[in-house]
Amino acid sequence: MEVINTTGRRKTAVARVYLKEGNGKITVNKRDYKDYFSVATLQYIVNQPLEITGNVGKYDILVNLDGGGITGQAEALRLAISKALVEINPEYRPPLKAKGLMRRDPRMVERKKYGQKKARKKFQFSKR
């Protein structure tokens, strides 16, 4: 099996994943994923697609994460792993889709507009 390359995005976080057969080692930015994602809920988010498809410990995953915060990065990584697993075996798609792991979350921070305090908030208006 050759190396499978996919990307996942969430807010401004981008995860580039290289998946190959191995013994279940997940490396994020040259660190173990448990060191990178110290919170247990984030580790669960990263492992979710592997647990749903029953592939825990079957693939080595090398990840480059960039941008965003730690939660956005974890969810971007989850999407990238899900896409890679579907590329390996299309039968994994229905269970992953049922759990909502094949959907990219498009919500991003709205840009600030000129002449305003924030994206929607205005400067205080004075009539006199």
Protein backbone atom coordinates (compact mmCIF):
# COMPACT_ATOMS: atom_id res chain seq x y z
CA MET A 1 0.00 0.00 0.00
CA GLU A 2 1.33 3.43 -0.94
CA VAL A 3 1.11 6.55 1.21
CA ILE A 4 -2.29 8.28 1.09
CA ASN A 5 -2.28 12.08 1.30
CA THR A 6 -5.36 14.10 2.31
CA THR A 7 -6.18 17.47 3.84
CA GLY A 8 -8.77 18.58 6.37
CA ARG A 9 -9.75 22.11 7.35
CA ARG A 10 -11.70 23.79 10.16
CA LYS A 11 -11.86 27.57 10.66
CA THR A 12 -8.29 28.63 9.82
CA ALA A 13 -6.68 25.32 10.82
CA VAL A 14 -5.28 23.07 8.08
CA ALA A 15 -4.25 19.44 8.62
CA ARG A 16 -2.16 17.61 6.00
CA VAL A 17 -2.21 13.85 6.62
CA TYR A 18 0.05 11.10 5.26
CA LEU A 19 -1.44 7.68 6.06
CA LYS A 20 0.34 4.34 5.53
CA GLU A 21 0.16 0.84 6.95
CA GLY A 22 1.87 0.43 10.29
CA ASN A 23 1.25 -0.12 13.99
CA GLY A 24 -0.98 2.86 14.91
CA LYS A 25 1.57 5.60 15.57
CA ILE A 26 0.15 9.13 15.13
CA THR A 27 2.78 11.88 14.80
CA VAL A 28 1.66 15.52 14.82
CA ASN A 29 4.29 18.16 13.90
CA LYS A 30 7.11 15.71 14.80
CA ARG A 31 5.56 15.00 18.24
CA ASP A 32 3.33 12.23 19.52
CA TYR A 33 -0.34 13.23 19.26
CA LYS A 34 -0.86 12.65 23.01
CA ASP A 35 1.84 15.25 23.74
CA TYR A 36 0.42 17.69 21.18
CA PHE A 37 -3.23 17.25 22.24
CA SER A 38 -2.87 17.02 26.02
CA VAL A 39 -6.64 17.16 26.69
CA ALA A 40 -8.41 13.77 26.62
CA THR A 41 -11.40 15.08 24.64
CA LEU A 42 -9.12 16.25 21.81
CA GLN A 43 -7.38 12.86 21.75
CA TYR A 44 -10.84 11.25 21.48
CA ILE A 45 -11.72 13.55 18.55
CA VAL A 46 -8.53 12.52 16.71
CA ASN A 47 -9.19 8.79 17.30
CA GLN A 48 -12.91 8.93 16.43
CA PRO A 49 -12.69 7.95 12.72
CA LEU A 50 -10.30 5.08 13.50
CA GLU A 51 -12.60 3.72 16.24
CA ILE A 52 -15.75 3.97 14.11
CA THR A 53 -14.14 2.05 11.23
CA GLY A 54 -12.31 -0.40 13.51
CA ASN A 55 -8.82 0.57 12.31
CA VAL A 56 -7.15 1.44 15.63
CA GLY A 57 -3.51 0.33 15.46
CA LYS A 58 -3.51 -0.51 11.73
CA TYR A 59 -2.13 2.68 10.19
CA ASP A 60 0.75 5.08 10.89
CA ILE A 61 -0.34 8.69 10.49
CA LEU A 62 2.06 11.59 9.91
CA VAL A 63 0.39 15.01 10.30
CA ASN A 64 1.39 18.60 9.53
CA LEU A 65 -0.89 21.02 11.39
CA ASP A 66 -0.96 24.75 10.76
CA GLY A 67 -3.11 27.70 11.81
CA GLY A 68 -6.09 28.06 14.13
CA GLY A 69 -6.42 26.95 17.71
CA ILE A 70 -5.99 23.54 19.30
CA THR A 71 -9.66 22.50 18.98
CA GLY A 72 -9.90 23.60 15.34
CA GLN A 73 -6.70 21.68 14.60
CA ALA A 74 -8.09 18.52 16.23
CA GLU A 75 -11.30 18.72 14.19
CA ALA A 76 -9.37 19.44 10.97
CA LEU A 77 -7.25 16.36 11.70
CA ARG A 78 -10.39 14.26 12.28
CA LEU A 79 -11.75 15.27 8.86
CA ALA A 80 -8.43 14.53 7.13
CA ILE A 81 -8.17 11.05 8.71
CA SER A 82 -11.79 10.32 7.74
CA LYS A 83 -11.13 11.32 4.12
CA ALA A 84 -8.00 9.14 4.02
CA LEU A 85 -9.87 6.09 5.38
CA VAL A 86 -12.64 6.54 2.78
CA GLU A 87 -9.95 6.69 0.07
CA ILE A 88 -8.63 3.33 1.30
CA ASN A 89 -12.05 1.69 1.52
CA PRO A 90 -15.26 3.39 0.22
CA GLU A 91 -17.35 1.16 2.54
CA TYR A 92 -16.20 3.29 5.50
CA ARG A 93 -18.11 6.31 4.15
CA PRO A 94 -21.67 5.52 5.43
CA PRO A 95 -20.72 5.00 9.13
CA LEU A 96 -18.44 8.06 9.10
CA LYS A 97 -21.08 10.17 7.37
CA ALA A 98 -23.74 9.05 9.86
CA LYS A 99 -21.59 10.42 12.71
CA GLY A 100 -21.01 13.69 10.79
CA LEU A 101 -17.27 13.19 10.26
CA MET A 102 -17.31 13.69 6.48
CA ARG A 103 -18.60 17.27 6.69
CA ARG A 104 -16.32 20.29 6.69
CA ASP A 105 -17.39 22.90 9.22
CA PRO A 106 -17.38 26.17 7.22
CA ARG A 107 -17.85 28.57 10.15
CA MET A 108 -15.10 31.18 10.23
CA VAL A 109 -14.59 34.50 11.96
CA GLU A 110 -16.20 37.32 10.00
CA ARG A 111 -13.76 40.03 8.92
CA LYS A 112 -13.69 43.45 10.53
CA LYS A 113 -15.12 46.24 8.36
CA TYR A 114 -13.63 49.72 8.10
CA GLY A 115 -15.55 52.46 9.87
CA GLN A 116 -16.72 49.95 12.49
CA LYS A 117 -15.41 48.71 15.81
CA LYS A 118 -15.66 44.97 14.90
CA ALA A 119 -17.36 42.89 12.21
CA ARG A 120 -20.88 43.95 13.22
CA LYS A 121 -20.41 46.30 16.18
CA LYS A 122 -20.45 50.00 15.31
CA PHE A 123 -18.76 52.97 16.96
CA GLN A 124 -20.99 54.79 19.44
CA PHE A 125 -23.37 57.15 17.67
CA SER A 126 -23.77 60.66 19.07
CA LYS A 127 -26.73 62.70 17.85
CA ARG A 128 -25.42 66.00 19.34
